[in-house]
Amino acid sequence: MAAKHSCKGRVKAGGLFCGAMLDRRTIAEIQTLRVKLQHFGSEQQDPAVQFYCLAVESNLAQALHGRDDPMLREVLTSLLEQLEEALRSAALVNLSTRKPARLRA
């Protein structure tokens, strides 16, 4: 049976910090953002948008669980840029497939 780790401000197994300098407000904001990303991603039709929503959400979860380091921040920045691009592409596809509105005479 594996032992539970209680690691307020201490290093846990694997050298990762548990709760590395995240205050309660930041934790609450990240948790809220994760829920919003999950919901937004589940409503999307574009597979790339769904993927990047999931990837960003997953990396935010890592930050909450103590992996808040420069490498994770770089990955998050890159994923957010890719999500932005996927959203732009999906919007362009939606615009090009949308039927034009009829003008009233």
N, C-alpha and C. Protein backbone atom coordinates (compact mmCIF):
# COMPACT_ATOMS: atom_id res chain seq x y z
N MET A 1 0.85 -1.18 0.00
CA MET A 1 0.00 0.00 0.00
C MET A 1 0.89 1.24 0.00
N ALA A 2 0.67 2.12 -0.95
CA ALA A 2 1.49 3.32 -1.07
C ALA A 2 1.12 4.34 0.00
N ALA A 3 2.14 4.99 0.53
CA ALA A 3 1.92 6.00 1.56
C ALA A 3 1.43 7.29 0.91
N LYS A 4 0.52 7.97 1.60
CA LYS A 4 0.05 9.25 1.10
C LYS A 4 1.08 10.31 1.43
N HIS A 5 1.22 11.28 0.52
CA HIS A 5 2.17 12.36 0.73
C HIS A 5 1.44 13.60 1.19
N SER A 6 1.80 14.09 2.36
CA SER A 6 1.32 15.39 2.81
C SER A 6 2.49 16.33 2.64
N CYS A 7 2.36 17.29 1.73
CA CYS A 7 3.55 18.04 1.37
C CYS A 7 3.28 19.54 1.26
N LYS A 8 2.82 20.13 2.33
CA LYS A 8 2.60 21.57 2.31
C LYS A 8 3.95 22.28 2.25
N GLY A 9 4.26 22.79 1.05
CA GLY A 9 5.49 23.56 0.88
C GLY A 9 6.76 22.72 0.87
N ARG A 10 6.64 21.41 0.93
CA ARG A 10 7.82 20.55 0.94
C ARG A 10 7.99 19.88 -0.41
N VAL A 11 9.15 19.29 -0.59
CA VAL A 11 9.41 18.55 -1.82
C VAL A 11 8.81 17.16 -1.67
N LYS A 12 8.07 16.72 -2.68
CA LYS A 12 7.53 15.37 -2.64
C LYS A 12 8.35 14.48 -3.56
N ALA A 13 8.00 13.22 -3.63
CA ALA A 13 8.73 12.24 -4.44
C ALA A 13 8.91 12.74 -5.86
N GLY A 14 10.06 12.52 -6.43
CA GLY A 14 10.34 12.94 -7.79
C GLY A 14 10.91 14.34 -7.87
N GLY A 15 11.08 15.00 -6.73
CA GLY A 15 11.69 16.32 -6.72
C GLY A 15 10.75 17.46 -7.08
N LEU A 16 9.44 17.18 -7.21
CA LEU A 16 8.50 18.23 -7.55
C LEU A 16 7.99 18.89 -6.28
N PHE A 17 7.77 20.17 -6.34
CA PHE A 17 7.24 20.88 -5.20
C PHE A 17 5.73 20.72 -5.15
N CYS A 18 5.23 20.49 -3.99
CA CYS A 18 3.79 20.36 -3.81
C CYS A 18 3.27 21.72 -3.33
N GLY A 19 2.35 22.30 -4.09
CA GLY A 19 1.79 23.59 -3.72
C GLY A 19 2.81 24.71 -3.84
N ALA A 20 3.64 24.66 -4.86
CA ALA A 20 4.76 25.59 -5.01
C ALA A 20 4.28 27.03 -5.18
N MET A 21 4.16 27.73 -4.08
CA MET A 21 3.91 29.16 -4.05
C MET A 21 2.60 29.60 -4.70
N LEU A 22 1.62 28.75 -4.79
CA LEU A 22 0.33 29.16 -5.33
C LEU A 22 -0.58 29.50 -4.16
N ASP A 23 -1.08 30.73 -4.15
CA ASP A 23 -2.00 31.11 -3.08
C ASP A 23 -3.40 30.61 -3.39
N ARG A 24 -4.28 30.68 -2.42
CA ARG A 24 -5.63 30.14 -2.57
C ARG A 24 -6.39 30.78 -3.72
N ARG A 25 -6.22 32.08 -3.90
CA ARG A 25 -6.93 32.77 -4.98
C ARG A 25 -6.46 32.27 -6.35
N THR A 26 -5.15 32.12 -6.50
CA THR A 26 -4.60 31.62 -7.77
C THR A 26 -5.08 30.20 -8.03
N ILE A 27 -5.08 29.37 -7.00
CA ILE A 27 -5.56 28.00 -7.14
C ILE A 27 -7.02 27.99 -7.58
N ALA A 28 -7.85 28.83 -6.96
CA ALA A 28 -9.26 28.90 -7.31
C ALA A 28 -9.44 29.38 -8.76
N GLU A 29 -8.65 30.35 -9.18
CA GLU A 29 -8.74 30.85 -10.55
C GLU A 29 -8.34 29.79 -11.57
N ILE A 30 -7.28 29.05 -11.26
CA ILE A 30 -6.84 27.98 -12.16
C ILE A 30 -7.90 26.88 -12.24
N GLN A 31 -8.47 26.53 -11.10
CA GLN A 31 -9.51 25.49 -11.10
C GLN A 31 -10.73 25.94 -11.91
N THR A 32 -11.11 27.20 -11.77
CA THR A 32 -12.23 27.74 -12.54
C THR A 32 -11.92 27.72 -14.03
N LEU A 33 -10.72 28.12 -14.38
CA LEU A 33 -10.30 28.11 -15.79
C LEU A 33 -10.31 26.69 -16.36
N ARG A 34 -9.85 25.74 -15.57
CA ARG A 34 -9.85 24.34 -16.03
C ARG A 34 -11.26 23.87 -16.34
N VAL A 35 -12.22 24.18 -15.46
CA VAL A 35 -13.61 23.78 -15.68
C VAL A 35 -14.15 24.44 -16.95
N LYS A 36 -13.86 25.73 -17.12
CA LYS A 36 -14.33 26.44 -18.31
C LYS A 36 -13.72 25.86 -19.59
N LEU A 37 -12.43 25.52 -19.54
CA LEU A 37 -11.78 24.91 -20.70
C LEU A 37 -12.39 23.55 -21.04
N GLN A 38 -12.65 22.76 -20.01
CA GLN A 38 -13.27 21.45 -20.24
C GLN A 38 -14.63 21.62 -20.91
N HIS A 39 -15.42 22.54 -20.40
CA HIS A 39 -16.76 22.77 -20.96
C HIS A 39 -16.66 23.32 -22.38
N PHE A 40 -15.82 24.32 -22.58
CA PHE A 40 -15.65 24.92 -23.90
C PHE A 40 -15.18 23.87 -24.91
N GLY A 41 -14.16 23.10 -24.54
CA GLY A 41 -13.62 22.08 -25.43
C GLY A 41 -14.65 21.02 -25.80
N SER A 42 -15.49 20.66 -24.85
CA SER A 42 -16.50 19.62 -25.12
C SER A 42 -17.58 20.11 -26.08
N GLU A 43 -17.75 21.41 -26.19
CA GLU A 43 -18.76 21.98 -27.09
C GLU A 43 -18.23 22.20 -28.51
N GLN A 44 -16.94 22.05 -28.71
CA GLN A 44 -16.33 22.35 -29.99
C GLN A 44 -16.42 21.18 -30.95
N GLN A 45 -16.55 21.50 -32.23
CA GLN A 45 -16.60 20.48 -33.28
C GLN A 45 -15.22 20.18 -33.85
N ASP A 46 -14.35 21.18 -33.81
CA ASP A 46 -13.03 21.05 -34.42
C ASP A 46 -12.11 20.20 -33.52
N PRO A 47 -11.56 19.11 -34.04
CA PRO A 47 -10.70 18.24 -33.24
C PRO A 47 -9.45 18.94 -32.70
N ALA A 48 -8.89 19.87 -33.47
CA ALA A 48 -7.69 20.58 -33.01
C ALA A 48 -8.02 21.46 -31.81
N VAL A 49 -9.15 22.13 -31.85
CA VAL A 49 -9.57 22.97 -30.73
C VAL A 49 -9.81 22.10 -29.50
N GLN A 50 -10.48 20.98 -29.69
CA GLN A 50 -10.71 20.05 -28.58
C GLN A 50 -9.38 19.59 -27.97
N PHE A 51 -8.44 19.23 -28.84
CA PHE A 51 -7.14 18.74 -28.38
C PHE A 51 -6.41 19.80 -27.57
N TYR A 52 -6.33 21.03 -28.09
CA TYR A 52 -5.57 22.06 -27.39
C TYR A 52 -6.26 22.50 -26.11
N CYS A 53 -7.58 22.47 -26.06
CA CYS A 53 -8.27 22.76 -24.80
C CYS A 53 -7.88 21.72 -23.75
N LEU A 54 -7.89 20.47 -24.15
CA LEU A 54 -7.51 19.38 -23.24
C LEU A 54 -6.05 19.50 -22.81
N ALA A 55 -5.18 19.82 -23.75
CA ALA A 55 -3.75 19.93 -23.44
C ALA A 55 -3.48 21.08 -22.47
N VAL A 56 -4.12 22.23 -22.69
CA VAL A 56 -3.94 23.37 -21.78
C VAL A 56 -4.48 23.01 -20.40
N GLU A 57 -5.66 22.41 -20.37
CA GLU A 57 -6.27 22.03 -19.09
C GLU A 57 -5.39 21.05 -18.33
N SER A 58 -4.83 20.10 -19.04
CA SER A 58 -3.95 19.10 -18.41
C SER A 58 -2.70 19.74 -17.82
N ASN A 59 -2.13 20.69 -18.54
CA ASN A 59 -0.93 21.36 -18.04
C ASN A 59 -1.25 22.27 -16.86
N LEU A 60 -2.43 22.86 -16.86
CA LEU A 60 -2.85 23.65 -15.69
C LEU A 60 -3.00 22.75 -14.47
N ALA A 61 -3.49 21.54 -14.70
CA ALA A 61 -3.61 20.57 -13.60
C ALA A 61 -2.23 20.26 -13.02
N GLN A 62 -1.24 20.13 -13.89
CA GLN A 62 0.13 19.87 -13.42
C GLN A 62 0.63 21.02 -12.55
N ALA A 63 0.30 22.24 -12.94
CA ALA A 63 0.72 23.40 -12.15
C ALA A 63 0.06 23.37 -10.77
N LEU A 64 -1.20 22.96 -10.72
CA LEU A 64 -1.90 22.86 -9.44
C LEU A 64 -1.29 21.80 -8.54
N HIS A 65 -0.77 20.75 -9.14
CA HIS A 65 -0.22 19.65 -8.36
C HIS A 65 1.27 19.81 -8.10
N GLY A 66 1.74 21.03 -8.21
CA GLY A 66 3.10 21.30 -7.78
C GLY A 66 4.13 21.42 -8.86
N ARG A 67 3.77 21.21 -10.10
CA ARG A 67 4.77 21.33 -11.16
C ARG A 67 4.66 22.70 -11.81
N ASP A 68 5.10 23.71 -11.09
CA ASP A 68 5.09 25.08 -11.61
C ASP A 68 6.54 25.49 -11.82
N ASP A 69 7.02 25.29 -13.04
CA ASP A 69 8.41 25.61 -13.34
C ASP A 69 8.49 26.32 -14.69
N PRO A 70 9.65 26.88 -15.02
CA PRO A 70 9.78 27.61 -16.30
C PRO A 70 9.45 26.76 -17.52
N MET A 71 9.79 25.49 -17.51
CA MET A 71 9.50 24.62 -18.66
C MET A 71 7.99 24.47 -18.85
N LEU A 72 7.25 24.26 -17.76
CA LEU A 72 5.80 24.13 -17.85
C LEU A 72 5.19 25.43 -18.37
N ARG A 73 5.70 26.55 -17.92
CA ARG A 73 5.19 27.84 -18.39
C ARG A 73 5.43 28.01 -19.89
N GLU A 74 6.58 27.57 -20.36
CA GLU A 74 6.87 27.63 -21.80
C GLU A 74 5.92 26.74 -22.59
N VAL A 75 5.68 25.55 -22.07
CA VAL A 75 4.76 24.62 -22.74
C VAL A 75 3.36 25.22 -22.77
N LEU A 76 2.92 25.79 -21.64
CA LEU A 76 1.59 26.40 -21.59
C LEU A 76 1.48 27.56 -22.57
N THR A 77 2.51 28.37 -22.65
CA THR A 77 2.51 29.50 -23.60
C THR A 77 2.37 28.99 -25.02
N SER A 78 3.13 27.97 -25.36
CA SER A 78 3.08 27.40 -26.70
C SER A 78 1.70 26.81 -26.99
N LEU A 79 1.15 26.07 -26.03
CA LEU A 79 -0.16 25.45 -26.22
C LEU A 79 -1.25 26.50 -26.39
N LEU A 80 -1.16 27.58 -25.62
CA LEU A 80 -2.15 28.65 -25.75
C LEU A 80 -2.08 29.31 -27.12
N GLU A 81 -0.87 29.50 -27.63
CA GLU A 81 -0.70 30.06 -28.97
C GLU A 81 -1.29 29.11 -30.02
N GLN A 82 -1.07 27.82 -29.85
CA GLN A 82 -1.61 26.83 -30.79
C GLN A 82 -3.14 26.75 -30.69
N LEU A 83 -3.67 26.88 -29.46
CA LEU A 83 -5.12 26.90 -29.29
C LEU A 83 -5.70 28.13 -29.98
N GLU A 84 -5.06 29.26 -29.83
CA GLU A 84 -5.51 30.48 -30.49
C GLU A 84 -5.55 30.29 -32.02
N GLU A 85 -4.51 29.70 -32.56
CA GLU A 85 -4.45 29.45 -34.00
C GLU A 85 -5.54 28.46 -34.44
N ALA A 86 -5.76 27.42 -33.64
CA ALA A 86 -6.80 26.44 -33.96
C ALA A 86 -8.18 27.10 -33.93
N LEU A 87 -8.39 28.00 -32.98
CA LEU A 87 -9.67 28.71 -32.92
C LEU A 87 -9.87 29.61 -34.13
N ARG A 88 -8.80 30.29 -34.55
CA ARG A 88 -8.89 31.13 -35.74
C ARG A 88 -9.22 30.29 -36.98
N SER A 89 -8.53 29.16 -37.12
CA SER A 89 -8.77 28.28 -38.27
C SER A 89 -10.19 27.75 -38.27
N ALA A 90 -10.66 27.34 -37.09
CA ALA A 90 -12.03 26.82 -36.98
C ALA A 90 -13.04 27.91 -37.32
N ALA A 91 -12.77 29.14 -36.89
CA ALA A 91 -13.68 30.24 -37.18
C ALA A 91 -13.73 30.51 -38.68
N LEU A 92 -12.57 30.45 -39.34
CA LEU A 92 -12.54 30.67 -40.79
C LEU A 92 -13.31 29.58 -41.53
N VAL A 93 -13.16 28.35 -41.09
CA VAL A 93 -13.90 27.25 -41.71
C VAL A 93 -15.40 27.46 -41.52
N ASN A 94 -15.79 27.86 -40.30
CA ASN A 94 -17.21 28.10 -40.02
C ASN A 94 -17.76 29.23 -40.88
N LEU A 95 -16.97 30.27 -41.07
CA LEU A 95 -17.42 31.40 -41.91
C LEU A 95 -17.56 30.98 -43.37
N SER A 96 -16.64 30.17 -43.84
CA SER A 96 -16.67 29.77 -45.25
C SER A 96 -17.78 28.77 -45.55
N THR A 97 -18.24 28.03 -44.54
CA THR A 97 -19.30 27.05 -44.79
C THR A 97 -20.68 27.59 -44.43
N ARG A 98 -20.73 28.74 -43.81
CA ARG A 98 -22.01 29.32 -43.42
C ARG A 98 -22.73 29.85 -44.66
N LYS A 99 -24.03 29.61 -44.71
CA LYS A 99 -24.82 30.12 -45.83
C LYS A 99 -25.02 31.62 -45.66
N PRO A 100 -24.90 32.37 -46.75
CA PRO A 100 -25.10 33.81 -46.65
C PRO A 100 -26.56 34.13 -46.33
N ALA A 101 -26.75 35.16 -45.51
CA ALA A 101 -28.10 35.58 -45.15
C ALA A 101 -28.77 36.22 -46.36
N ARG A 102 -30.04 35.98 -46.50
CA ARG A 102 -30.79 36.57 -47.62
C ARG A 102 -31.16 38.00 -47.26
N LEU A 103 -31.03 38.84 -48.23
CA LEU A 103 -31.41 40.24 -48.04
C LEU A 103 -32.90 40.39 -48.30
N ARG A 104 -33.53 41.16 -47.48
CA ARG A 104 -34.95 41.43 -47.68
C ARG A 104 -35.12 42.55 -48.69
N ALA A 105 -36.05 42.40 -49.57
CA ALA A 105 -36.29 43.42 -50.61
C ALA A 105 -37.21 44.50 -50.12
